[in-house]
Amino acid sequence: MKRTCIAAVVLFVHLLTIFSANAQNDESPKNRRYLNSVFEDTLRTGNIVYSEKMNSAGKNEQLKLRIFEPKGDTAAKRVLFILTPGGGFVQHGDNWMDVFGAQMARAGYVVAINRYRLASAINSPESYSDALFKAVADQKAAIKFFVKDAQGENRYRIDTKNIFIGGHSAGAITSMHTAYISTNDELDKFMTAALKNNGGLDDGKAKDKPDALIRGVINLSGLLTDLSILDAGEPPLLSIHGDQDKVVSIGTASFGGYGSIPIHEQAKKVGLASELQVVRGGAHNDTAEPELCPECIPLVQRFMFELIQNTAR
């Protein structure tokens, strides 16, 4: 009887030790960094100038971003998520998508929300194409800002092998063009001219070519006007879109734009890794606002976590 009791106590202590170790281990189910929220608070740093470029008014414009980091984080290398908000390429908000960025940072990500040059209007193929490729050039500049910093001081402790880009609406359109436009793509004359006028594919320095660094792409309520830019072997894509989106249709729009369903179908057709999540009853802005789509951030984190794990293997 005594031996049984002693054995039971030893076993209990052993199991308690294992449980305690797992509770403090980031790889335990509850504390998996990049998958679950593992930090209680975040640090927000605003007005960081990442580039300066000529805007549509012919004036030099300082381009700024704001960064969310997990508070108390000691990791030497961290995953970066460059998040580009929407606004139809004509407007910005100083705090738009801050809640989204903060929640992602609580899972261990460094999140940079970047402003980009705006157009006065996008009421023609020329003005739309110019606005798009200005935003693409600016998103590439944000990527290069972090790559250059990582090569030197590395103030933000970024793992340049794990950089994700994405955004909502116009920011999603920007991200998909940043990731998927290549020299083999035959664009229409408006896109071709706008791309050339805004720095071309590499925006100057081939050694810093951003698309070679992109680990995955997040499309929140975005569209493409040309599905042929999607090719096998390019960065995996996650699309989240509301089926009641009246601004950007989840299907094919009357003006010829393609929402997330045809984007996903084309991606699968050409062999590009793609995942589509439909938000039933979701409107256009729902995918950018966690209170309206509580499942959206967990879906993004799962997608990114799995790619990060594949990189680590």
C-alpha atoms as a PDB file:
ATOM      1  CA  MET A   1       0.000   0.000   0.000  1.00  0.00           C
ATOM      2  CA  LYS A   2       2.811   2.362   0.936  1.00  0.00           C
ATOM      3  CA  ARG A   3       4.696   1.538  -2.258  1.00  0.00           C
ATOM      4  CA  THR A   4       1.566   2.273  -4.273  1.00  0.00           C
ATOM      5  CA  CYS A   5       1.101   5.634  -2.560  1.00  0.00           C
ATOM      6  CA  ILE A   6       4.743   6.590  -3.011  1.00  0.00           C
ATOM      7  CA  ALA A   7       4.631   5.597  -6.681  1.00  0.00           C
ATOM      8  CA  ALA A   8       1.478   7.639  -7.176  1.00  0.00           C
ATOM      9  CA  VAL A   9       3.063  10.695  -5.559  1.00  0.00           C
ATOM     10  CA  VAL A  10       6.207  10.350  -7.694  1.00  0.00           C
ATOM     11  CA  LEU A  11       4.080  10.034 -10.841  1.00  0.00           C
ATOM     12  CA  PHE A  12       1.988  13.065  -9.854  1.00  0.00           C
ATOM     13  CA  VAL A  13       5.099  15.186  -9.241  1.00  0.00           C
ATOM     14  CA  HIS A  14       6.545  14.051 -12.562  1.00  0.00           C
ATOM     15  CA  LEU A  15       3.359  14.968 -14.442  1.00  0.00           C
ATOM     16  CA  LEU A  16       3.164  18.308 -12.625  1.00  0.00           C
ATOM     17  CA  THR A  17       6.744  19.082 -13.675  1.00  0.00           C
ATOM     18  CA  ILE A  18       5.949  18.300 -17.310  1.00  0.00           C
ATOM     19  CA  PHE A  19       2.786  20.421 -17.189  1.00  0.00           C
ATOM     20  CA  SER A  20       4.657  23.344 -15.632  1.00  0.00           C
ATOM     21  CA  ALA A  21       7.394  23.154 -18.268  1.00  0.00           C
ATOM     22  CA  ASN A  22       4.865  23.045 -21.082  1.00  0.00           C
ATOM     23  CA  ALA A  23       2.981  26.023 -19.668  1.00  0.00           C
ATOM     24  CA  GLN A  24       6.148  28.102 -19.993  1.00  0.00           C
ATOM     25  CA  ASN A  25       7.093  26.731 -23.393  1.00  0.00           C
ATOM     26  CA  ASP A  26       6.089  28.857 -26.393  1.00  0.00           C
ATOM     27  CA  GLU A  27       5.571  25.637 -28.377  1.00  0.00           C
ATOM     28  CA  SER A  28       2.800  24.393 -26.111  1.00  0.00           C
ATOM     29  CA  PRO A  29      -0.660  24.592 -27.720  1.00  0.00           C
ATOM     30  CA  LYS A  30      -1.746  27.598 -25.661  1.00  0.00           C
ATOM     31  CA  ASN A  31       1.477  29.572 -26.038  1.00  0.00           C
ATOM     32  CA  ARG A  32       2.396  29.055 -29.674  1.00  0.00           C
ATOM     33  CA  ARG A  33       3.881  32.314 -30.839  1.00  0.00           C
ATOM     34  CA  TYR A  34       2.479  33.580 -34.149  1.00  0.00           C
ATOM     35  CA  LEU A  35      -0.599  31.376 -33.758  1.00  0.00           C
ATOM     36  CA  ASN A  36      -2.103  32.587 -30.473  1.00  0.00           C
ATOM     37  CA  SER A  37      -2.027  35.758 -28.427  1.00  0.00           C
ATOM     38  CA  VAL A  38       0.968  35.285 -26.104  1.00  0.00           C
ATOM     39  CA  PHE A  39       1.728  38.889 -25.102  1.00  0.00           C
ATOM     40  CA  GLU A  40      -0.516  40.976 -22.882  1.00  0.00           C
ATOM     41  CA  ASP A  41       0.383  44.340 -24.369  1.00  0.00           C
ATOM     42  CA  THR A  42       2.009  46.026 -27.354  1.00  0.00           C
ATOM     43  CA  LEU A  43       4.177  49.039 -28.114  1.00  0.00           C
ATOM     44  CA  ARG A  44       3.028  51.481 -30.804  1.00  0.00           C
ATOM     45  CA  THR A  45       5.556  53.795 -32.460  1.00  0.00           C
ATOM     46  CA  GLY A  46       4.172  56.290 -34.975  1.00  0.00           C
ATOM     47  CA  ASN A  47       5.453  58.739 -37.588  1.00  0.00           C
ATOM     48  CA  ILE A  48       8.415  56.632 -38.714  1.00  0.00           C
ATOM     49  CA  VAL A  49       9.639  57.985 -42.053  1.00  0.00           C
ATOM     50  CA  TYR A  50      10.458  55.075 -44.340  1.00  0.00           C
ATOM     51  CA  SER A  51      10.882  56.918 -47.653  1.00  0.00           C
ATOM     52  CA  GLU A  52      10.378  60.181 -49.512  1.00  0.00           C
ATOM     53  CA  LYS A  53       8.894  60.279 -53.012  1.00  0.00           C
ATOM     54  CA  MET A  54       7.328  62.644 -55.523  1.00  0.00           C
ATOM     55  CA  ASN A  55       3.544  62.637 -55.241  1.00  0.00           C
ATOM     56  CA  SER A  56       0.874  63.328 -57.874  1.00  0.00           C
ATOM     57  CA  ALA A  57       1.027  67.060 -57.120  1.00  0.00           C
ATOM     58  CA  GLY A  58       4.722  67.136 -58.030  1.00  0.00           C
ATOM     59  CA  LYS A  59       5.887  67.608 -54.448  1.00  0.00           C
ATOM     60  CA  ASN A  60       8.196  65.468 -52.332  1.00  0.00           C
ATOM     61  CA  GLU A  61       6.185  63.620 -49.720  1.00  0.00           C
ATOM     62  CA  GLN A  62       7.495  61.974 -46.583  1.00  0.00           C
ATOM     63  CA  LEU A  63       6.051  58.475 -46.338  1.00  0.00           C
ATOM     64  CA  LYS A  64       5.422  57.315 -42.797  1.00  0.00           C
ATOM     65  CA  LEU A  65       4.457  54.125 -41.033  1.00  0.00           C
ATOM     66  CA  ARG A  66       3.509  53.095 -37.534  1.00  0.00           C
ATOM     67  CA  ILE A  67       4.862  49.970 -35.885  1.00  0.00           C
ATOM     68  CA  PHE A  68       3.256  47.626 -33.372  1.00  0.00           C
ATOM     69  CA  GLU A  69       5.595  45.371 -31.388  1.00  0.00           C
ATOM     70  CA  PRO A  70       4.863  42.848 -28.630  1.00  0.00           C
ATOM     71  CA  LYS A  71       5.747  44.489 -25.327  1.00  0.00           C
ATOM     72  CA  GLY A  72       8.453  42.681 -23.384  1.00  0.00           C
ATOM     73  CA  ASP A  73       9.515  40.585 -26.364  1.00  0.00           C
ATOM     74  CA  THR A  74      13.114  39.319 -26.235  1.00  0.00           C
ATOM     75  CA  ALA A  75      13.248  37.297 -29.476  1.00  0.00           C
ATOM     76  CA  ALA A  76      16.319  38.071 -31.592  1.00  0.00           C
ATOM     77  CA  LYS A  77      14.531  37.600 -34.928  1.00  0.00           C
ATOM     78  CA  ARG A  78      10.862  38.314 -35.470  1.00  0.00           C
ATOM     79  CA  VAL A  79       8.343  37.926 -38.260  1.00  0.00           C
ATOM     80  CA  LEU A  80       7.327  41.145 -40.015  1.00  0.00           C
ATOM     81  CA  PHE A  81       3.841  41.852 -41.343  1.00  0.00           C
ATOM     82  CA  ILE A  82       3.547  44.961 -43.517  1.00  0.00           C
ATOM     83  CA  LEU A  83      -0.117  45.885 -43.419  1.00  0.00           C
ATOM     84  CA  THR A  84      -1.408  48.363 -46.003  1.00  0.00           C
ATOM     85  CA  PRO A  85      -4.861  49.862 -45.290  1.00  0.00           C
ATOM     86  CA  GLY A  86      -7.571  50.614 -47.826  1.00  0.00           C
ATOM     87  CA  GLY A  87      -9.189  53.892 -48.732  1.00  0.00           C
ATOM     88  CA  GLY A  88      -9.766  53.632 -52.459  1.00  0.00           C
ATOM     89  CA  PHE A  89      -6.269  55.046 -53.135  1.00  0.00           C
ATOM     90  CA  VAL A  90      -7.685  58.496 -52.288  1.00  0.00           C
ATOM     91  CA  GLN A  91      -7.809  58.666 -48.478  1.00  0.00           C
ATOM     92  CA  HIS A  92      -6.010  57.559 -45.317  1.00  0.00           C
ATOM     93  CA  GLY A  93      -6.827  57.302 -41.642  1.00  0.00           C
ATOM     94  CA  ASP A  94      -4.295  57.951 -38.875  1.00  0.00           C
ATOM     95  CA  ASN A  95      -5.622  55.044 -36.800  1.00  0.00           C
ATOM     96  CA  TRP A  96      -7.307  52.875 -39.430  1.00  0.00           C
ATOM     97  CA  MET A  97      -6.480  49.192 -38.774  1.00  0.00           C
ATOM     98  CA  ASP A  98      -4.605  49.954 -35.530  1.00  0.00           C
ATOM     99  CA  VAL A  99      -6.754  47.411 -33.675  1.00  0.00           C
ATOM    100  CA  PHE A 100      -5.892  44.800 -36.284  1.00  0.00           C
ATOM    101  CA  GLY A 101      -2.185  45.610 -35.988  1.00  0.00           C
ATOM    102  CA  ALA A 102      -2.190  45.498 -32.189  1.00  0.00           C
ATOM    103  CA  GLN A 103      -3.932  42.113 -32.074  1.00  0.00           C
ATOM    104  CA  MET A 104      -1.424  40.664 -34.532  1.00  0.00           C
ATOM    105  CA  ALA A 105       1.449  42.050 -32.440  1.00  0.00           C
ATOM    106  CA  ARG A 106       0.098  40.278 -29.355  1.00  0.00           C
ATOM    107  CA  ALA A 107       0.784  37.023 -31.186  1.00  0.00           C
ATOM    108  CA  GLY A 108       4.431  38.027 -31.571  1.00  0.00           C
ATOM    109  CA  TYR A 109       4.434  39.716 -34.972  1.00  0.00           C
ATOM    110  CA  VAL A 110       6.042  43.056 -35.705  1.00  0.00           C
ATOM    111  CA  VAL A 111       3.330  44.890 -37.644  1.00  0.00           C
ATOM    112  CA  ALA A 112       4.054  47.950 -39.792  1.00  0.00           C
ATOM    113  CA  ILE A 113       1.033  49.891 -41.086  1.00  0.00           C
ATOM    114  CA  ASN A 114       2.234  52.080 -43.925  1.00  0.00           C
ATOM    115  CA  ARG A 115       0.812  55.210 -45.490  1.00  0.00           C
ATOM    116  CA  TYR A 116       1.298  55.630 -49.238  1.00  0.00           C
ATOM    117  CA  ARG A 117       0.900  58.390 -51.806  1.00  0.00           C
ATOM    118  CA  LEU A 118      -2.702  59.142 -52.653  1.00  0.00           C
ATOM    119  CA  ALA A 119      -4.452  60.168 -55.857  1.00  0.00           C
ATOM    120  CA  SER A 120      -6.948  63.007 -56.125  1.00  0.00           C
ATOM    121  CA  ALA A 121      -9.233  60.644 -58.061  1.00  0.00           C
ATOM    122  CA  ILE A 122      -9.203  57.243 -59.783  1.00  0.00           C
ATOM    123  CA  ASN A 123     -11.869  57.917 -62.391  1.00  0.00           C
ATOM    124  CA  SER A 124      -9.954  56.663 -65.446  1.00  0.00           C
ATOM    125  CA  PRO A 125      -7.704  53.706 -66.338  1.00  0.00           C
ATOM    126  CA  GLU A 126      -4.716  56.071 -66.346  1.00  0.00           C
ATOM    127  CA  SER A 127      -5.397  57.567 -62.903  1.00  0.00           C
ATOM    128  CA  TYR A 128      -6.211  54.170 -61.372  1.00  0.00           C
ATOM    129  CA  SER A 129      -3.051  52.565 -62.742  1.00  0.00           C
ATOM    130  CA  ASP A 130      -0.883  55.463 -61.574  1.00  0.00           C
ATOM    131  CA  ALA A 131      -2.389  55.380 -58.075  1.00  0.00           C
ATOM    132  CA  LEU A 132      -1.941  51.601 -57.874  1.00  0.00           C
ATOM    133  CA  PHE A 133       1.703  51.573 -58.892  1.00  0.00           C
ATOM    134  CA  LYS A 134       2.556  54.511 -56.653  1.00  0.00           C
ATOM    135  CA  ALA A 135       1.147  52.447 -53.777  1.00  0.00           C
ATOM    136  CA  VAL A 136       3.101  49.382 -54.976  1.00  0.00           C
ATOM    137  CA  ALA A 137       6.345  51.385 -55.142  1.00  0.00           C
ATOM    138  CA  ASP A 138       5.669  52.711 -51.639  1.00  0.00           C
ATOM    139  CA  GLN A 139       4.976  49.249 -50.226  1.00  0.00           C
ATOM    140  CA  LYS A 140       8.236  48.034 -51.791  1.00  0.00           C
ATOM    141  CA  ALA A 141       9.995  50.991 -50.179  1.00  0.00           C
ATOM    142  CA  ALA A 142       8.580  49.931 -46.791  1.00  0.00           C
ATOM    143  CA  ILE A 143       9.935  46.416 -47.319  1.00  0.00           C
ATOM    144  CA  LYS A 144      13.357  47.802 -48.256  1.00  0.00           C
ATOM    145  CA  PHE A 145      13.335  50.056 -45.192  1.00  0.00           C
ATOM    146  CA  PHE A 146      13.182  47.006 -42.936  1.00  0.00           C
ATOM    147  CA  VAL A 147      15.593  44.948 -45.043  1.00  0.00           C
ATOM    148  CA  LYS A 148      18.180  47.730 -44.941  1.00  0.00           C
ATOM    149  CA  ASP A 149      17.716  48.158 -41.196  1.00  0.00           C
ATOM    150  CA  ALA A 150      18.092  44.389 -40.660  1.00  0.00           C
ATOM    151  CA  GLN A 151      21.383  44.470 -42.567  1.00  0.00           C
ATOM    152  CA  GLY A 152      22.674  47.090 -40.150  1.00  0.00           C
ATOM    153  CA  GLU A 153      21.403  48.132 -36.733  1.00  0.00           C
ATOM    154  CA  ASN A 154      18.301  45.894 -36.934  1.00  0.00           C
ATOM    155  CA  ARG A 155      16.355  48.054 -34.496  1.00  0.00           C
ATOM    156  CA  TYR A 156      13.227  45.994 -35.068  1.00  0.00           C
ATOM    157  CA  ARG A 157      14.912  42.553 -34.991  1.00  0.00           C
ATOM    158  CA  ILE A 158      13.298  41.400 -38.230  1.00  0.00           C
ATOM    159  CA  ASP A 159      13.800  37.965 -39.751  1.00  0.00           C
ATOM    160  CA  THR A 160      14.054  38.916 -43.429  1.00  0.00           C
ATOM    161  CA  LYS A 161      13.231  35.333 -44.442  1.00  0.00           C
ATOM    162  CA  ASN A 162       9.771  35.797 -42.956  1.00  0.00           C
ATOM    163  CA  ILE A 163       8.225  38.998 -44.301  1.00  0.00           C
ATOM    164  CA  PHE A 164       4.490  38.974 -45.023  1.00  0.00           C
ATOM    165  CA  ILE A 165       2.565  41.673 -46.853  1.00  0.00           C
ATOM    166  CA  GLY A 166      -1.143  42.293 -47.037  1.00  0.00           C
ATOM    167  CA  GLY A 167      -3.903  44.768 -46.660  1.00  0.00           C
ATOM    168  CA  HIS A 168      -7.534  45.640 -46.928  1.00  0.00           C
ATOM    169  CA  SER A 169      -9.299  46.753 -50.141  1.00  0.00           C
ATOM    170  CA  ALA A 170      -6.848  49.098 -51.941  1.00  0.00           C
ATOM    171  CA  GLY A 171      -4.129  47.776 -49.616  1.00  0.00           C
ATOM    172  CA  ALA A 172      -4.939  44.215 -50.683  1.00  0.00           C
ATOM    173  CA  ILE A 173      -4.860  45.220 -54.357  1.00  0.00           C
ATOM    174  CA  THR A 174      -1.479  46.846 -53.734  1.00  0.00           C
ATOM    175  CA  SER A 175      -0.094  43.769 -51.966  1.00  0.00           C
ATOM    176  CA  MET A 176      -1.133  41.347 -54.692  1.00  0.00           C
ATOM    177  CA  HIS A 177       0.477  43.494 -57.375  1.00  0.00           C
ATOM    178  CA  THR A 178       3.648  43.855 -55.305  1.00  0.00           C
ATOM    179  CA  ALA A 179       3.895  40.093 -54.938  1.00  0.00           C
ATOM    180  CA  TYR A 180       2.683  38.814 -58.304  1.00  0.00           C
ATOM    181  CA  ILE A 181       3.702  41.240 -61.068  1.00  0.00           C
ATOM    182  CA  SER A 182       6.690  39.809 -62.972  1.00  0.00           C
ATOM    183  CA  THR A 183       8.598  40.426 -66.180  1.00  0.00           C
ATOM    184  CA  ASN A 184       6.622  37.682 -67.928  1.00  0.00           C
ATOM    185  CA  ASP A 185       3.261  39.396 -67.395  1.00  0.00           C
ATOM    186  CA  GLU A 186       1.658  41.171 -70.341  1.00  0.00           C
ATOM    187  CA  LEU A 187      -0.113  44.169 -68.860  1.00  0.00           C
ATOM    188  CA  ASP A 188      -2.456  46.571 -70.640  1.00  0.00           C
ATOM    189  CA  LYS A 189      -1.001  49.849 -71.897  1.00  0.00           C
ATOM    190  CA  PHE A 190      -2.185  51.847 -68.888  1.00  0.00           C
ATOM    191  CA  MET A 191      -0.656  49.433 -66.390  1.00  0.00           C
ATOM    192  CA  THR A 192       2.553  49.158 -68.420  1.00  0.00           C
ATOM    193  CA  ALA A 193       2.994  52.928 -68.559  1.00  0.00           C
ATOM    194  CA  ALA A 194       2.176  53.431 -64.867  1.00  0.00           C
ATOM    195  CA  LEU A 195       4.571  50.668 -63.798  1.00  0.00           C
ATOM    196  CA  LYS A 196       7.374  52.199 -65.856  1.00  0.00           C
ATOM    197  CA  ASN A 197       6.659  55.705 -64.541  1.00  0.00           C
ATOM    198  CA  ASN A 198       6.758  54.504 -60.934  1.00  0.00           C
ATOM    199  CA  GLY A 199      10.081  52.718 -60.835  1.00  0.00           C
ATOM    200  CA  GLY A 200       9.449  49.483 -62.698  1.00  0.00           C
ATOM    201  CA  LEU A 201       9.508  46.068 -61.112  1.00  0.00           C
ATOM    202  CA  ASP A 202      12.567  46.469 -58.935  1.00  0.00           C
ATOM    203  CA  ASP A 203      12.224  50.169 -58.116  1.00  0.00           C
ATOM    204  CA  GLY A 204      15.927  50.746 -58.703  1.00  0.00           C
ATOM    205  CA  LYS A 205      17.971  48.115 -56.873  1.00  0.00           C
ATOM    206  CA  ALA A 206      17.739  44.514 -58.015  1.00  0.00           C
ATOM    207  CA  LYS A 207      19.713  43.277 -54.998  1.00  0.00           C
ATOM    208  CA  ASP A 208      16.877  44.432 -52.741  1.00  0.00           C
ATOM    209  CA  LYS A 209      14.105  43.012 -54.946  1.00  0.00           C
ATOM    210  CA  PRO A 210      11.180  42.813 -52.494  1.00  0.00           C
ATOM    211  CA  ASP A 211       9.255  39.942 -54.057  1.00  0.00           C
ATOM    212  CA  ALA A 212      12.157  37.601 -53.314  1.00  0.00           C
ATOM    213  CA  LEU A 213      11.562  38.262 -49.612  1.00  0.00           C
ATOM    214  CA  ILE A 214       7.791  37.909 -49.414  1.00  0.00           C
ATOM    215  CA  ARG A 215       6.726  34.799 -47.479  1.00  0.00           C
ATOM    216  CA  GLY A 216       2.975  35.141 -48.001  1.00  0.00           C
ATOM    217  CA  VAL A 217       0.234  37.568 -49.031  1.00  0.00           C
ATOM    218  CA  ILE A 218      -2.973  38.518 -47.198  1.00  0.00           C
ATOM    219  CA  ASN A 219      -5.899  39.730 -49.317  1.00  0.00           C
ATOM    220  CA  LEU A 220      -8.718  41.261 -47.276  1.00  0.00           C
ATOM    221  CA  SER A 221     -11.623  42.240 -49.562  1.00  0.00           C
ATOM    222  CA  GLY A 222      -9.382  42.976 -52.537  1.00  0.00           C
ATOM    223  CA  LEU A 223      -9.563  42.498 -56.310  1.00  0.00           C
ATOM    224  CA  LEU A 224      -7.503  42.114 -59.455  1.00  0.00           C
ATOM    225  CA  THR A 225      -8.275  43.472 -62.900  1.00  0.00           C
ATOM    226  CA  ASP A 226      -5.902  40.979 -64.536  1.00  0.00           C
ATOM    227  CA  LEU A 227      -5.835  37.407 -63.243  1.00  0.00           C
ATOM    228  CA  SER A 228      -2.967  36.457 -65.537  1.00  0.00           C
ATOM    229  CA  ILE A 229      -0.418  37.973 -63.138  1.00  0.00           C
ATOM    230  CA  LEU A 230      -0.882  34.928 -60.882  1.00  0.00           C
ATOM    231  CA  ASP A 231       1.700  32.192 -61.488  1.00  0.00           C
ATOM    232  CA  ALA A 232       2.870  28.972 -59.854  1.00  0.00           C
ATOM    233  CA  GLY A 233       5.754  29.294 -57.423  1.00  0.00           C
ATOM    234  CA  GLU A 234       4.858  32.786 -56.257  1.00  0.00           C
ATOM    235  CA  PRO A 235       4.146  33.585 -52.571  1.00  0.00           C
ATOM    236  CA  PRO A 236       1.121  31.740 -51.096  1.00  0.00           C
ATOM    237  CA  LEU A 237      -2.103  33.736 -50.890  1.00  0.00           C
ATOM    238  CA  LEU A 238      -4.814  33.954 -48.246  1.00  0.00           C
ATOM    239  CA  SER A 239      -8.033  35.708 -49.277  1.00  0.00           C
ATOM    240  CA  ILE A 240     -10.750  36.649 -46.768  1.00  0.00           C
ATOM    241  CA  HIS A 241     -13.847  38.278 -48.223  1.00  0.00           C
ATOM    242  CA  GLY A 242     -17.421  38.951 -47.175  1.00  0.00           C
ATOM    243  CA  ASP A 243     -20.111  37.498 -49.407  1.00  0.00           C
ATOM    244  CA  GLN A 244     -22.223  40.655 -48.907  1.00  0.00           C
ATOM    245  CA  ASP A 245     -19.462  43.059 -49.929  1.00  0.00           C
ATOM    246  CA  LYS A 246     -21.140  45.822 -51.980  1.00  0.00           C
ATOM    247  CA  VAL A 247     -17.912  47.763 -52.626  1.00  0.00           C
ATOM    248  CA  VAL A 248     -15.662  45.026 -53.986  1.00  0.00           C
ATOM    249  CA  SER A 249     -17.649  42.008 -55.095  1.00  0.00           C
ATOM    250  CA  ILE A 250     -16.374  38.649 -53.927  1.00  0.00           C
ATOM    251  CA  GLY A 251     -17.114  37.427 -57.462  1.00  0.00           C
ATOM    252  CA  THR A 252     -16.754  39.146 -60.825  1.00  0.00           C
ATOM    253  CA  ALA A 253     -17.704  42.831 -60.881  1.00  0.00           C
ATOM    254  CA  SER A 254     -19.639  44.500 -63.683  1.00  0.00           C
ATOM    255  CA  PHE A 255     -16.620  46.651 -64.613  1.00  0.00           C
ATOM    256  CA  GLY A 256     -14.446  43.580 -65.110  1.00  0.00           C
ATOM    257  CA  GLY A 257     -12.717  43.413 -61.729  1.00  0.00           C
ATOM    258  CA  TYR A 258     -12.225  40.017 -60.118  1.00  0.00           C
ATOM    259  CA  GLY A 259     -12.860  39.466 -56.410  1.00  0.00           C
ATOM    260  CA  SER A 260     -11.560  36.771 -54.142  1.00  0.00           C
ATOM    261  CA  ILE A 261     -13.493  33.810 -55.578  1.00  0.00           C
ATOM    262  CA  PRO A 262     -12.159  34.140 -59.160  1.00  0.00           C
ATOM    263  CA  ILE A 263      -8.733  35.072 -57.758  1.00  0.00           C
ATOM    264  CA  HIS A 264      -8.674  31.851 -55.738  1.00  0.00           C
ATOM    265  CA  GLU A 265      -9.963  29.774 -58.657  1.00  0.00           C
ATOM    266  CA  GLN A 266      -7.296  31.187 -60.990  1.00  0.00           C
ATOM    267  CA  ALA A 267      -4.579  30.635 -58.395  1.00  0.00           C
ATOM    268  CA  LYS A 268      -5.534  26.983 -58.000  1.00  0.00           C
ATOM    269  CA  LYS A 269      -5.725  26.610 -61.791  1.00  0.00           C
ATOM    270  CA  VAL A 270      -2.135  27.788 -62.323  1.00  0.00           C
ATOM    271  CA  GLY A 271      -0.730  25.995 -59.261  1.00  0.00           C
ATOM    272  CA  LEU A 272      -0.314  28.943 -56.905  1.00  0.00           C
ATOM    273  CA  ALA A 273      -0.883  27.986 -53.259  1.00  0.00           C
ATOM    274  CA  SER A 274      -4.122  29.731 -52.280  1.00  0.00           C
ATOM    275  CA  GLU A 275      -6.680  29.648 -49.490  1.00  0.00           C
ATOM    276  CA  LEU A 276     -10.092  31.327 -49.545  1.00  0.00           C
ATOM    277  CA  GLN A 277     -12.172  32.098 -46.464  1.00  0.00           C
ATOM    278  CA  VAL A 278     -15.678  33.449 -47.080  1.00  0.00           C
ATOM    279  CA  VAL A 279     -17.225  35.572 -44.318  1.00  0.00           C
ATOM    280  CA  ARG A 280     -20.935  34.747 -44.479  1.00  0.00           C
ATOM    281  CA  GLY A 281     -22.949  37.955 -44.301  1.00  0.00           C
ATOM    282  CA  GLY A 282     -19.752  40.007 -44.238  1.00  0.00           C
ATOM    283  CA  ALA A 283     -19.644  43.538 -45.658  1.00  0.00           C
ATOM    284  CA  HIS A 284     -16.630  45.297 -47.187  1.00  0.00           C
ATOM    285  CA  ASN A 285     -14.964  46.659 -44.045  1.00  0.00           C
ATOM    286  CA  ASP A 286     -15.709  43.645 -41.852  1.00  0.00           C
ATOM    287  CA  THR A 287     -12.463  41.880 -42.752  1.00  0.00           C
ATOM    288  CA  ALA A 288     -10.444  44.855 -41.457  1.00  0.00           C
ATOM    289  CA  GLU A 289     -12.299  45.277 -38.159  1.00  0.00           C
ATOM    290  CA  PRO A 290     -11.833  42.502 -35.566  1.00  0.00           C
ATOM    291  CA  GLU A 291     -15.040  43.400 -33.732  1.00  0.00           C
ATOM    292  CA  LEU A 292     -17.020  42.791 -36.930  1.00  0.00           C
ATOM    293  CA  CYS A 293     -15.078  39.704 -37.982  1.00  0.00           C
ATOM    294  CA  PRO A 294     -13.634  38.035 -34.862  1.00  0.00           C
ATOM    295  CA  GLU A 295     -12.508  35.029 -36.905  1.00  0.00           C
ATOM    296  CA  CYS A 296     -10.454  37.048 -39.404  1.00  0.00           C
ATOM    297  CA  ILE A 297      -7.283  37.596 -37.356  1.00  0.00           C
ATOM    298  CA  PRO A 298      -7.119  33.950 -36.173  1.00  0.00           C
ATOM    299  CA  LEU A 299      -7.408  32.882 -39.832  1.00  0.00           C
ATOM    300  CA  VAL A 300      -4.545  35.182 -40.798  1.00  0.00           C
ATOM    301  CA  GLN A 301      -2.419  33.961 -37.884  1.00  0.00           C
ATOM    302  CA  ARG A 302      -3.002  30.306 -38.735  1.00  0.00           C
ATOM    303  CA  PHE A 303      -2.065  30.893 -42.388  1.00  0.00           C
ATOM    304  CA  MET A 304       1.129  32.720 -41.445  1.00  0.00           C
ATOM    305  CA  PHE A 305       2.021  30.324 -38.627  1.00  0.00           C
ATOM    306  CA  GLU A 306       1.926  27.315 -40.942  1.00  0.00           C
ATOM    307  CA  LEU A 307       4.205  29.025 -43.467  1.00  0.00           C
ATOM    308  CA  ILE A 308       6.607  30.067 -40.705  1.00  0.00           C
ATOM    309  CA  GLN A 309       6.727  26.495 -39.454  1.00  0.00           C
ATOM    310  CA  ASN A 310       7.505  25.260 -42.966  1.00  0.00           C
ATOM    311  CA  THR A 311      10.371  27.747 -43.192  1.00  0.00           C
ATOM    312  CA  ALA A 312      11.805  26.518 -39.892  1.00  0.00           C
ATOM    313  CA  ARG A 313      11.911  22.891 -41.014  1.00  0.00           C
END
